[in-house]
């Protein structure tokens, strides 16, 4: 199943209720499961992003639905990125990449 990285920042509303962040994360995990998304890991971070979720979803649409559902609650904003394992890069993505050298050689 495809993996995604969900970068999360708190809104003012989310910051004002910071003490409930772990409870909200648990509720989010349950909601994600209803959508067919598995939360593989959740980390609270320092810096630009406040939380990082590593998720598994059937497809981008499902991952987007999960992110929109989370953002609609008003506590956070999300930025969701597709993520690839080394195997996926090697076997499916890099084989499709053509460099200028490849184009000249095959051209």
PDB file of N, CA and C in Angstrom:
ATOM      1  N   UNK A   1       0.845  -1.171   0.000  1.00  0.00           N
ATOM      2  CA  UNK A   1       0.000   0.000   0.000  1.00  0.00           C
ATOM      3  C   UNK A   1       0.899   1.244   0.000  1.00  0.00           C
ATOM      4  N   UNK A   2       0.518   2.310  -0.714  1.00  0.00           N
ATOM      5  CA  UNK A   2       1.329   3.522  -0.757  1.00  0.00           C
ATOM      6  C   UNK A   2       1.491   4.173   0.622  1.00  0.00           C
ATOM      7  N   UNK A   3       2.649   4.797   0.792  1.00  0.00           N
ATOM      8  CA  UNK A   3       2.949   5.525   2.022  1.00  0.00           C
ATOM      9  C   UNK A   3       2.890   7.025   1.766  1.00  0.00           C
ATOM     10  N   UNK A   4       2.596   7.764   2.833  1.00  0.00           N
ATOM     11  CA  UNK A   4       2.538   9.217   2.776  1.00  0.00           C
ATOM     12  C   UNK A   4       3.110   9.782   4.064  1.00  0.00           C
ATOM     13  N   UNK A   5       3.656  10.991   3.959  1.00  0.00           N
ATOM     14  CA  UNK A   5       4.099  11.743   5.129  1.00  0.00           C
ATOM     15  C   UNK A   5       3.129  12.908   5.265  1.00  0.00           C
ATOM     16  N   UNK A   6       2.526  13.030   6.420  1.00  0.00           N
ATOM     17  CA  UNK A   6       1.571  14.106   6.685  1.00  0.00           C
ATOM     18  C   UNK A   6       2.220  15.071   7.677  1.00  0.00           C
ATOM     19  N   UNK A   7       2.569  16.264   7.191  1.00  0.00           N
ATOM     20  CA  UNK A   7       3.184  17.295   8.016  1.00  0.00           C
ATOM     21  C   UNK A   7       2.076  18.179   8.574  1.00  0.00           C
ATOM     22  N   UNK A   8       2.104  18.407   9.866  1.00  0.00           N
ATOM     23  CA  UNK A   8       0.988  19.060  10.548  1.00  0.00           C
ATOM     24  C   UNK A   8       1.479  20.279  11.321  1.00  0.00           C
ATOM     25  N   UNK A   9       0.733  21.381  11.216  1.00  0.00           N
ATOM     26  CA  UNK A   9       0.982  22.554  12.060  1.00  0.00           C
ATOM     27  C   UNK A   9      -0.295  22.877  12.825  1.00  0.00           C
ATOM     28  N   UNK A  10      -0.128  23.300  14.059  1.00  0.00           N
ATOM     29  CA  UNK A  10      -1.277  23.688  14.865  1.00  0.00           C
ATOM     30  C   UNK A  10      -1.832  25.025  14.396  1.00  0.00           C
ATOM     31  N   UNK A  11      -3.143  25.162  14.419  1.00  0.00           N
ATOM     32  CA  UNK A  11      -3.787  26.459  14.252  1.00  0.00           C
ATOM     33  C   UNK A  11      -3.836  27.119  15.632  1.00  0.00           C
ATOM     34  N   UNK A  12      -4.312  28.346  15.678  1.00  0.00           N
ATOM     35  CA  UNK A  12      -4.472  29.008  16.977  1.00  0.00           C
ATOM     36  C   UNK A  12      -5.427  28.208  17.859  1.00  0.00           C
ATOM     37  N   UNK A  13      -6.487  27.684  17.259  1.00  0.00           N
ATOM     38  CA  UNK A  13      -7.440  26.849  18.007  1.00  0.00           C
ATOM     39  C   UNK A  13      -6.747  25.616  18.578  1.00  0.00           C
ATOM     40  N   UNK A  14      -5.924  24.962  17.768  1.00  0.00           N
ATOM     41  CA  UNK A  14      -5.209  23.783  18.227  1.00  0.00           C
ATOM     42  C   UNK A  14      -4.229  24.100  19.342  1.00  0.00           C
ATOM     43  N   UNK A  15      -3.551  25.239  19.227  1.00  0.00           N
ATOM     44  CA  UNK A  15      -2.615  25.647  20.279  1.00  0.00           C
ATOM     45  C   UNK A  15      -3.331  25.966  21.578  1.00  0.00           C
ATOM     46  N   UNK A  16      -4.517  26.547  21.464  1.00  0.00           N
ATOM     47  CA  UNK A  16      -5.251  26.910  22.687  1.00  0.00           C
ATOM     48  C   UNK A  16      -5.742  25.674  23.440  1.00  0.00           C
ATOM     49  N   UNK A  17      -5.754  24.526  22.756  1.00  0.00           N
ATOM     50  CA  UNK A  17      -6.175  23.267  23.377  1.00  0.00           C
ATOM     51  C   UNK A  17      -5.042  22.241  23.299  1.00  0.00           C
ATOM     52  N   UNK A  18      -3.819  22.715  23.462  1.00  0.00           N
ATOM     53  CA  UNK A  18      -2.644  21.865  23.289  1.00  0.00           C
ATOM     54  C   UNK A  18      -2.639  20.653  24.211  1.00  0.00           C
ATOM     55  N   UNK A  19      -3.174  20.804  25.401  1.00  0.00           N
ATOM     56  CA  UNK A  19      -3.154  19.687  26.356  1.00  0.00           C
ATOM     57  C   UNK A  19      -3.957  18.482  25.857  1.00  0.00           C
ATOM     58  N   UNK A  20      -4.810  18.679  24.864  1.00  0.00           N
ATOM     59  CA  UNK A  20      -5.623  17.580  24.325  1.00  0.00           C
ATOM     60  C   UNK A  20      -5.009  16.958  23.067  1.00  0.00           C
ATOM     61  N   UNK A  21      -3.794  17.363  22.714  1.00  0.00           N
ATOM     62  CA  UNK A  21      -3.219  16.918  21.438  1.00  0.00           C
ATOM     63  C   UNK A  21      -3.074  15.403  21.327  1.00  0.00           C
ATOM     64  N   UNK A  22      -2.696  14.724  22.394  1.00  0.00           N
ATOM     65  CA  UNK A  22      -2.544  13.266  22.293  1.00  0.00           C
ATOM     66  C   UNK A  22      -3.900  12.574  22.186  1.00  0.00           C
ATOM     67  N   UNK A  23      -4.907  13.125  22.844  1.00  0.00           N
ATOM     68  CA  UNK A  23      -6.261  12.562  22.717  1.00  0.00           C
ATOM     69  C   UNK A  23      -6.787  12.776  21.303  1.00  0.00           C
ATOM     70  N   UNK A  24      -6.525  13.955  20.747  1.00  0.00           N
ATOM     71  CA  UNK A  24      -6.958  14.221  19.372  1.00  0.00           C
ATOM     72  C   UNK A  24      -6.240  13.293  18.394  1.00  0.00           C
ATOM     73  N   UNK A  25      -4.974  13.021  18.653  1.00  0.00           N
ATOM     74  CA  UNK A  25      -4.221  12.115  17.776  1.00  0.00           C
ATOM     75  C   UNK A  25      -4.814  10.713  17.803  1.00  0.00           C
ATOM     76  N   UNK A  26      -5.240  10.263  18.960  1.00  0.00           N
ATOM     77  CA  UNK A  26      -5.863   8.938  19.061  1.00  0.00           C
ATOM     78  C   UNK A  26      -7.197   8.911  18.312  1.00  0.00           C
ATOM     79  N   UNK A  27      -7.988   9.979  18.447  1.00  0.00           N
ATOM     80  CA  UNK A  27      -9.260  10.068  17.718  1.00  0.00           C
ATOM     81  C   UNK A  27      -9.000  10.112  16.209  1.00  0.00           C
ATOM     82  N   UNK A  28      -7.957  10.830  15.814  1.00  0.00           N
ATOM     83  CA  UNK A  28      -7.577  10.902  14.406  1.00  0.00           C
ATOM     84  C   UNK A  28      -7.209   9.518  13.879  1.00  0.00           C
ATOM     85  N   UNK A  29      -6.471   8.764  14.662  1.00  0.00           N
ATOM     86  CA  UNK A  29      -6.071   7.416  14.254  1.00  0.00           C
ATOM     87  C   UNK A  29      -7.297   6.541  14.013  1.00  0.00           C
ATOM     88  N   UNK A  30      -8.280   6.630  14.890  1.00  0.00           N
ATOM     89  CA  UNK A  30      -9.508   5.845  14.729  1.00  0.00           C
ATOM     90  C   UNK A  30     -10.279   6.279  13.490  1.00  0.00           C
ATOM     91  N   UNK A  31     -10.363   7.603  13.253  1.00  0.00           N
ATOM     92  CA  UNK A  31     -11.065   8.116  12.071  1.00  0.00           C
ATOM     93  C   UNK A  31     -10.342   7.685  10.795  1.00  0.00           C
ATOM     94  N   UNK A  32      -9.029   7.738  10.828  1.00  0.00           N
ATOM     95  CA  UNK A  32      -8.247   7.331   9.662  1.00  0.00           C
ATOM     96  C   UNK A  32      -8.513   5.871   9.317  1.00  0.00           C
ATOM     97  N   UNK A  33      -8.585   5.029  10.331  1.00  0.00           N
ATOM     98  CA  UNK A  33      -8.857   3.607  10.101  1.00  0.00           C
ATOM     99  C   UNK A  33     -10.209   3.411   9.433  1.00  0.00           C
ATOM    100  N   UNK A  34     -11.198   4.227   9.792  1.00  0.00           N
ATOM    101  CA  UNK A  34     -12.515   4.151   9.155  1.00  0.00           C
ATOM    102  C   UNK A  34     -12.429   4.480   7.665  1.00  0.00           C
ATOM    103  N   UNK A  35     -11.471   5.336   7.310  1.00  0.00           N
ATOM    104  CA  UNK A  35     -11.277   5.717   5.909  1.00  0.00           C
ATOM    105  C   UNK A  35     -10.372   4.745   5.158  1.00  0.00           C
ATOM    106  N   UNK A  36      -9.848   3.738   5.854  1.00  0.00           N
ATOM    107  CA  UNK A  36      -8.950   2.780   5.224  1.00  0.00           C
ATOM    108  C   UNK A  36      -7.491   3.186   5.272  1.00  0.00           C
ATOM    109  N   UNK A  37      -7.162   4.123   6.172  1.00  0.00           N
ATOM    110  CA  UNK A  37      -5.796   4.622   6.322  1.00  0.00           C
ATOM    111  C   UNK A  37      -5.207   4.071   7.610  1.00  0.00           C
ATOM    112  N   UNK A  38      -3.969   3.621   7.523  1.00  0.00           N
ATOM    113  CA  UNK A  38      -3.277   3.129   8.717  1.00  0.00           C
ATOM    114  C   UNK A  38      -2.212   4.149   9.124  1.00  0.00           C
ATOM    115  N   UNK A  39      -2.263   4.586  10.375  1.00  0.00           N
ATOM    116  CA  UNK A  39      -1.246   5.493  10.905  1.00  0.00           C
ATOM    117  C   UNK A  39      -0.093   4.623  11.401  1.00  0.00           C
ATOM    118  N   UNK A  40       1.029   4.676  10.719  1.00  0.00           N
ATOM    119  CA  UNK A  40       2.178   3.848  11.082  1.00  0.00           C
ATOM    120  C   UNK A  40       2.974   4.459  12.226  1.00  0.00           C
ATOM    121  N   UNK A  41       3.045   5.795  12.248  1.00  0.00           N
ATOM    122  CA  UNK A  41       3.795   6.479  13.307  1.00  0.00           C
ATOM    123  C   UNK A  41       3.318   7.915  13.419  1.00  0.00           C
ATOM    124  N   UNK A  42       3.368   8.431  14.626  1.00  0.00           N
ATOM    125  CA  UNK A  42       3.060   9.834  14.895  1.00  0.00           C
ATOM    126  C   UNK A  42       4.168  10.383  15.780  1.00  0.00           C
ATOM    127  N   UNK A  43       4.730  11.523  15.360  1.00  0.00           N
ATOM    128  CA  UNK A  43       5.786  12.176  16.131  1.00  0.00           C
ATOM    129  C   UNK A  43       5.432  13.643  16.330  1.00  0.00           C
ATOM    130  N   UNK A  44       5.569  14.129  17.546  1.00  0.00           N
ATOM    131  CA  UNK A  44       5.469  15.559  17.819  1.00  0.00           C
ATOM    132  C   UNK A  44       6.872  16.110  17.624  1.00  0.00           C
ATOM    133  N   UNK A  45       6.984  17.214  16.900  1.00  0.00           N
ATOM    134  CA  UNK A  45       8.293  17.712  16.507  1.00  0.00           C
ATOM    135  C   UNK A  45       8.472  19.178  16.893  1.00  0.00           C
ATOM    136  N   UNK A  46       9.710  19.616  16.854  1.00  0.00           N
ATOM    137  CA  UNK A  46      10.058  21.011  17.095  1.00  0.00           C
ATOM    138  C   UNK A  46      10.461  21.621  15.762  1.00  0.00           C
ATOM    139  N   UNK A  47      10.087  22.867  15.544  1.00  0.00           N
ATOM    140  CA  UNK A  47      10.457  23.525  14.295  1.00  0.00           C
ATOM    141  C   UNK A  47       9.231  23.941  13.508  1.00  0.00           C
ATOM    142  N   UNK A  48       9.340  23.902  12.203  1.00  0.00           N
ATOM    143  CA  UNK A  48       8.271  24.376  11.322  1.00  0.00           C
ATOM    144  C   UNK A  48       7.001  23.553  11.483  1.00  0.00           C
ATOM    145  N   UNK A  49       7.147  22.248  11.645  1.00  0.00           N
ATOM    146  CA  UNK A  49       5.988  21.371  11.777  1.00  0.00           C
ATOM    147  C   UNK A  49       5.866  20.892  13.214  1.00  0.00           C
ATOM    148  N   UNK A  50       4.629  20.761  13.664  1.00  0.00           N
ATOM    149  CA  UNK A  50       4.358  20.366  15.049  1.00  0.00           C
ATOM    150  C   UNK A  50       4.177  18.863  15.206  1.00  0.00           C
ATOM    151  N   UNK A  51       3.673  18.223  14.170  1.00  0.00           N
ATOM    152  CA  UNK A  51       3.438  16.778  14.195  1.00  0.00           C
ATOM    153  C   UNK A  51       3.793  16.222  12.818  1.00  0.00           C
ATOM    154  N   UNK A  52       4.326  15.013  12.803  1.00  0.00           N
ATOM    155  CA  UNK A  52       4.564  14.289  11.555  1.00  0.00           C
ATOM    156  C   UNK A  52       3.898  12.925  11.691  1.00  0.00           C
ATOM    157  N   UNK A  53       3.002  12.626  10.758  1.00  0.00           N
ATOM    158  CA  UNK A  53       2.373  11.304  10.697  1.00  0.00           C
ATOM    159  C   UNK A  53       2.967  10.559   9.507  1.00  0.00           C
ATOM    160  N   UNK A  54       3.292   9.306   9.699  1.00  0.00           N
ATOM    161  CA  UNK A  54       3.666   8.416   8.604  1.00  0.00           C
ATOM    162  C   UNK A  54       2.462   7.500   8.421  1.00  0.00           C
ATOM    163  N   UNK A  55       1.875   7.523   7.215  1.00  0.00           N
ATOM    164  CA  UNK A  55       0.631   6.787   7.006  1.00  0.00           C
ATOM    165  C   UNK A  55       0.735   5.864   5.798  1.00  0.00           C
ATOM    166  N   UNK A  56      -0.176   4.929   5.767  1.00  0.00           N
ATOM    167  CA  UNK A  56      -0.343   4.008   4.653  1.00  0.00           C
ATOM    168  C   UNK A  56      -1.796   4.154   4.202  1.00  0.00           C
ATOM    169  N   UNK A  57      -2.003   4.396   2.908  1.00  0.00           N
ATOM    170  CA  UNK A  57      -3.361   4.566   2.384  1.00  0.00           C
ATOM    171  C   UNK A  57      -3.470   3.848   1.048  1.00  0.00           C
ATOM    172  N   UNK A  58      -4.671   3.421   0.684  1.00  0.00           N
ATOM    173  CA  UNK A  58      -4.844   2.705  -0.581  1.00  0.00           C
ATOM    174  C   UNK A  58      -4.442   3.530  -1.806  1.00  0.00           C
ATOM    175  N   UNK A  59      -4.636   4.860  -1.729  1.00  0.00           N
ATOM    176  CA  UNK A  59      -4.338   5.719  -2.871  1.00  0.00           C
ATOM    177  C   UNK A  59      -4.296   7.174  -2.410  1.00  0.00           C
ATOM    178  N   UNK A  60      -3.942   8.070  -3.345  1.00  0.00           N
ATOM    179  CA  UNK A  60      -3.835   9.492  -3.007  1.00  0.00           C
ATOM    180  C   UNK A  60      -5.177  10.097  -2.612  1.00  0.00           C
ATOM    181  N   UNK A  61      -6.241   9.674  -3.257  1.00  0.00           N
ATOM    182  CA  UNK A  61      -7.563  10.218  -2.913  1.00  0.00           C
ATOM    183  C   UNK A  61      -7.915   9.918  -1.465  1.00  0.00           C
ATOM    184  N   UNK A  62      -7.643   8.708  -1.032  1.00  0.00           N
ATOM    185  CA  UNK A  62      -7.942   8.333   0.350  1.00  0.00           C
ATOM    186  C   UNK A  62      -7.064   9.120   1.311  1.00  0.00           C
ATOM    187  N   UNK A  63      -5.791   9.274   0.975  1.00  0.00           N
ATOM    188  CA  UNK A  63      -4.887  10.066   1.822  1.00  0.00           C
ATOM    189  C   UNK A  63      -5.362  11.514   1.900  1.00  0.00           C
ATOM    190  N   UNK A  64      -5.816  12.061   0.776  1.00  0.00           N
ATOM    191  CA  UNK A  64      -6.321  13.434   0.765  1.00  0.00           C
ATOM    192  C   UNK A  64      -7.588  13.558   1.601  1.00  0.00           C
ATOM    193  N   UNK A  65      -8.487  12.590   1.494  1.00  0.00           N
ATOM    194  CA  UNK A  65      -9.713  12.609   2.309  1.00  0.00           C
ATOM    195  C   UNK A  65      -9.381  12.612   3.787  1.00  0.00           C
ATOM    196  N   UNK A  66      -8.391  11.810   4.163  1.00  0.00           N
ATOM    197  CA  UNK A  66      -7.965  11.751   5.555  1.00  0.00           C
ATOM    198  C   UNK A  66      -7.412  13.104   5.997  1.00  0.00           C
ATOM    199  N   UNK A  67      -6.575  13.716   5.167  1.00  0.00           N
ATOM    200  CA  UNK A  67      -5.981  15.008   5.515  1.00  0.00           C
ATOM    201  C   UNK A  67      -7.048  16.097   5.604  1.00  0.00           C
ATOM    202  N   UNK A  68      -7.993  16.105   4.666  1.00  0.00           N
ATOM    203  CA  UNK A  68      -9.066  17.097   4.710  1.00  0.00           C
ATOM    204  C   UNK A  68      -9.951  16.902   5.935  1.00  0.00           C
ATOM    205  N   UNK A  69     -10.216  15.653   6.277  1.00  0.00           N
ATOM    206  CA  UNK A  69     -11.016  15.370   7.481  1.00  0.00           C
ATOM    207  C   UNK A  69     -10.327  15.907   8.724  1.00  0.00           C
ATOM    208  N   UNK A  70      -9.025  15.728   8.786  1.00  0.00           N
ATOM    209  CA  UNK A  70      -8.260  16.224   9.929  1.00  0.00           C
ATOM    210  C   UNK A  70      -8.269  17.749   9.967  1.00  0.00           C
ATOM    211  N   UNK A  71      -8.004  18.380   8.841  1.00  0.00           N
ATOM    212  CA  UNK A  71      -7.972  19.839   8.784  1.00  0.00           C
ATOM    213  C   UNK A  71      -9.317  20.485   9.040  1.00  0.00           C
ATOM    214  N   UNK A  72     -10.397  19.812   8.653  1.00  0.00           N
ATOM    215  CA  UNK A  72     -11.742  20.375   8.814  1.00  0.00           C
ATOM    216  C   UNK A  72     -12.125  20.582  10.274  1.00  0.00           C
ATOM    217  N   UNK A  73     -11.448  19.896  11.185  1.00  0.00           N
ATOM    218  CA  UNK A  73     -11.754  20.059  12.610  1.00  0.00           C
ATOM    219  C   UNK A  73     -11.261  21.391  13.155  1.00  0.00           C
ATOM    220  N   UNK A  74     -10.342  22.036  12.428  1.00  0.00           N
ATOM    221  CA  UNK A  74      -9.904  23.371  12.808  1.00  0.00           C
ATOM    222  C   UNK A  74      -8.714  23.452  13.745  1.00  0.00           C
ATOM    223  N   UNK A  75      -8.184  22.327  14.171  1.00  0.00           N
ATOM    224  CA  UNK A  75      -7.062  22.349  15.111  1.00  0.00           C
ATOM    225  C   UNK A  75      -5.699  22.365  14.431  1.00  0.00           C
ATOM    226  N   UNK A  76      -5.651  21.907  13.193  1.00  0.00           N
ATOM    227  CA  UNK A  76      -4.376  21.805  12.483  1.00  0.00           C
ATOM    228  C   UNK A  76      -4.548  22.118  11.004  1.00  0.00           C
ATOM    229  N   UNK A  77      -3.411  22.381  10.374  1.00  0.00           N
ATOM    230  CA  UNK A  77      -3.316  22.439   8.917  1.00  0.00           C
ATOM    231  C   UNK A  77      -2.377  21.309   8.509  1.00  0.00           C
ATOM    232  N   UNK A  78      -2.645  20.708   7.365  1.00  0.00           N
ATOM    233  CA  UNK A  78      -1.826  19.569   6.946  1.00  0.00           C
ATOM    234  C   UNK A  78      -1.184  19.807   5.586  1.00  0.00           C
ATOM    235  N   UNK A  79      -0.094  19.131   5.382  1.00  0.00           N
ATOM    236  CA  UNK A  79       0.602  19.098   4.092  1.00  0.00           C
ATOM    237  C   UNK A  79       1.001  17.639   3.899  1.00  0.00           C
ATOM    238  N   UNK A  80       0.385  16.960   2.941  1.00  0.00           N
ATOM    239  CA  UNK A  80       0.581  15.522   2.777  1.00  0.00           C
ATOM    240  C   UNK A  80       1.403  15.238   1.523  1.00  0.00           C
ATOM    241  N   UNK A  81       2.427  14.416   1.698  1.00  0.00           N
ATOM    242  CA  UNK A  81       3.363  14.110   0.620  1.00  0.00           C
ATOM    243  C   UNK A  81       3.397  12.610   0.343  1.00  0.00           C
ATOM    244  N   UNK A  82       3.397  12.191  -0.929  1.00  0.00           N
ATOM    245  CA  UNK A  82       3.625  10.785  -1.216  1.00  0.00           C
ATOM    246  C   UNK A  82       5.059  10.432  -0.814  1.00  0.00           C
ATOM    247  N   UNK A  83       5.260   9.237  -0.313  1.00  0.00           N
ATOM    248  CA  UNK A  83       6.593   8.792   0.106  1.00  0.00           C
ATOM    249  C   UNK A  83       6.893   7.448  -0.545  1.00  0.00           C
ATOM    250  N   UNK A  84       8.155   7.222  -0.860  1.00  0.00           N
ATOM    251  CA  UNK A  84       8.548   6.018  -1.575  1.00  0.00           C
ATOM    252  C   UNK A  84       9.671   5.297  -0.842  1.00  0.00           C
ATOM    253  N   UNK A  85       9.587   3.985  -0.790  1.00  0.00           N
ATOM    254  CA  UNK A  85      10.661   3.174  -0.227  1.00  0.00           C
ATOM    255  C   UNK A  85      11.799   3.096  -1.245  1.00  0.00           C
ATOM    256  N   UNK A  86      12.952   2.614  -0.807  1.00  0.00           N
ATOM    257  CA  UNK A  86      14.078   2.436  -1.728  1.00  0.00           C
ATOM    258  C   UNK A  86      13.696   1.472  -2.850  1.00  0.00           C
ATOM    259  N   UNK A  87      12.980   0.421  -2.506  1.00  0.00           N
ATOM    260  CA  UNK A  87      12.548  -0.552  -3.515  1.00  0.00           C
ATOM    261  C   UNK A  87      11.637   0.097  -4.554  1.00  0.00           C
ATOM    262  N   UNK A  88      10.686   0.923  -4.103  1.00  0.00           N
ATOM    263  CA  UNK A  88       9.785   1.603  -5.042  1.00  0.00           C
ATOM    264  C   UNK A  88      10.564   2.553  -5.945  1.00  0.00           C
ATOM    265  N   UNK A  89      11.520   3.273  -5.373  1.00  0.00           N
ATOM    266  CA  UNK A  89      12.341   4.176  -6.187  1.00  0.00           C
ATOM    267  C   UNK A  89      13.114   3.387  -7.237  1.00  0.00           C
ATOM    268  N   UNK A  90      13.751   2.333  -6.817  1.00  0.00           N
ATOM    269  CA  UNK A  90      14.607   1.541  -7.702  1.00  0.00           C
ATOM    270  C   UNK A  90      13.794   0.834  -8.787  1.00  0.00           C
ATOM    271  N   UNK A  91      12.699   0.189  -8.396  1.00  0.00           N
ATOM    272  CA  UNK A  91      11.987  -0.696  -9.312  1.00  0.00           C
ATOM    273  C   UNK A  91      10.878  -0.037 -10.123  1.00  0.00           C
ATOM    274  N   UNK A  92      10.370   1.100  -9.681  1.00  0.00           N
ATOM    275  CA  UNK A  92       9.213   1.674 -10.370  1.00  0.00           C
ATOM    276  C   UNK A  92       9.408   3.114 -10.820  1.00  0.00           C
ATOM    277  N   UNK A  93      10.179   3.877 -10.092  1.00  0.00           N
ATOM    278  CA  UNK A  93      10.293   5.295 -10.417  1.00  0.00           C
ATOM    279  C   UNK A  93      11.545   5.574 -11.233  1.00  0.00           C
ATOM    280  N   UNK A  94      12.701   5.154 -10.727  1.00  0.00           N
ATOM    281  CA  UNK A  94      13.949   5.455 -11.426  1.00  0.00           C
ATOM    282  C   UNK A  94      14.021   4.810 -12.796  1.00  0.00           C
ATOM    283  N   UNK A  95      13.355   3.678 -12.974  1.00  0.00           N
ATOM    284  CA  UNK A  95      13.387   3.035 -14.295  1.00  0.00           C
ATOM    285  C   UNK A  95      12.661   3.877 -15.341  1.00  0.00           C
ATOM    286  N   UNK A  96      11.810   4.801 -14.911  1.00  0.00           N
ATOM    287  CA  UNK A  96      11.078   5.670 -15.829  1.00  0.00           C
ATOM    288  C   UNK A  96      11.807   6.981 -16.112  1.00  0.00           C
ATOM    289  N   UNK A  97      12.842   7.275 -15.319  1.00  0.00           N
ATOM    290  CA  UNK A  97      13.560   8.541 -15.449  1.00  0.00           C
ATOM    291  C   UNK A  97      14.558   8.438 -16.593  1.00  0.00           C
ATOM    292  N   UNK A  98      14.526   9.438 -17.467  1.00  0.00           N
ATOM    293  CA  UNK A  98      15.504   9.491 -18.545  1.00  0.00           C
ATOM    294  C   UNK A  98      16.367  10.728 -18.354  1.00  0.00           C
ATOM    295  N   UNK A  99      17.660  10.526 -18.324  1.00  0.00           N
ATOM    296  CA  UNK A  99      18.600  11.635 -18.221  1.00  0.00           C
ATOM    297  C   UNK A  99      18.918  12.138 -19.624  1.00  0.00           C
ATOM    298  N   UNK A 100      19.529  13.311 -19.745  1.00  0.00           N
ATOM    299  CA  UNK A 100      19.944  13.768 -21.080  1.00  0.00           C
ATOM    300  C   UNK A 100      20.845  12.745 -21.778  1.00  0.00           C
ATOM    301  N   UNK A 101      21.696  12.068 -21.014  1.00  0.00           N
ATOM    302  CA  UNK A 101      22.563  11.031 -21.592  1.00  0.00           C
ATOM    303  C   UNK A 101      21.726   9.910 -22.201  1.00  0.00           C
ATOM    304  N   UNK A 102      20.686   9.463 -21.472  1.00  0.00           N
ATOM    305  CA  UNK A 102      19.819   8.398 -21.988  1.00  0.00           C
ATOM    306  C   UNK A 102      19.137   8.834 -23.281  1.00  0.00           C
ATOM    307  N   UNK A 103      18.672  10.069 -23.320  1.00  0.00           N
ATOM    308  CA  UNK A 103      17.977  10.569 -24.505  1.00  0.00           C
ATOM    309  C   UNK A 103      18.916  10.626 -25.706  1.00  0.00           C
ATOM    310  N   UNK A 104      20.172  11.073 -25.493  1.00  0.00           N
ATOM    311  CA  UNK A 104      21.143  11.140 -26.593  1.00  0.00           C
ATOM    312  C   UNK A 104      21.515   9.739 -27.067  1.00  0.00           C
ATOM    313  N   UNK A 105      21.692   8.823 -26.127  1.00  0.00           N
ATOM    314  CA  UNK A 105      22.097   7.460 -26.460  1.00  0.00           C
ATOM    315  C   UNK A 105      20.991   6.733 -27.232  1.00  0.00           C
ATOM    316  N   UNK A 106      19.735   6.969 -26.834  1.00  0.00           N
ATOM    317  CA  UNK A 106      18.604   6.272 -27.453  1.00  0.00           C
ATOM    318  C   UNK A 106      18.005   7.042 -28.621  1.00  0.00           C
ATOM    319  N   UNK A 107      18.479   8.247 -28.844  1.00  0.00           N
ATOM    320  CA  UNK A 107      17.839   9.174 -29.671  1.00  0.00           C
ATOM    321  C   UNK A 107      17.858   9.185 -31.088  1.00  0.00           C
TER     322      UNK A 107
END
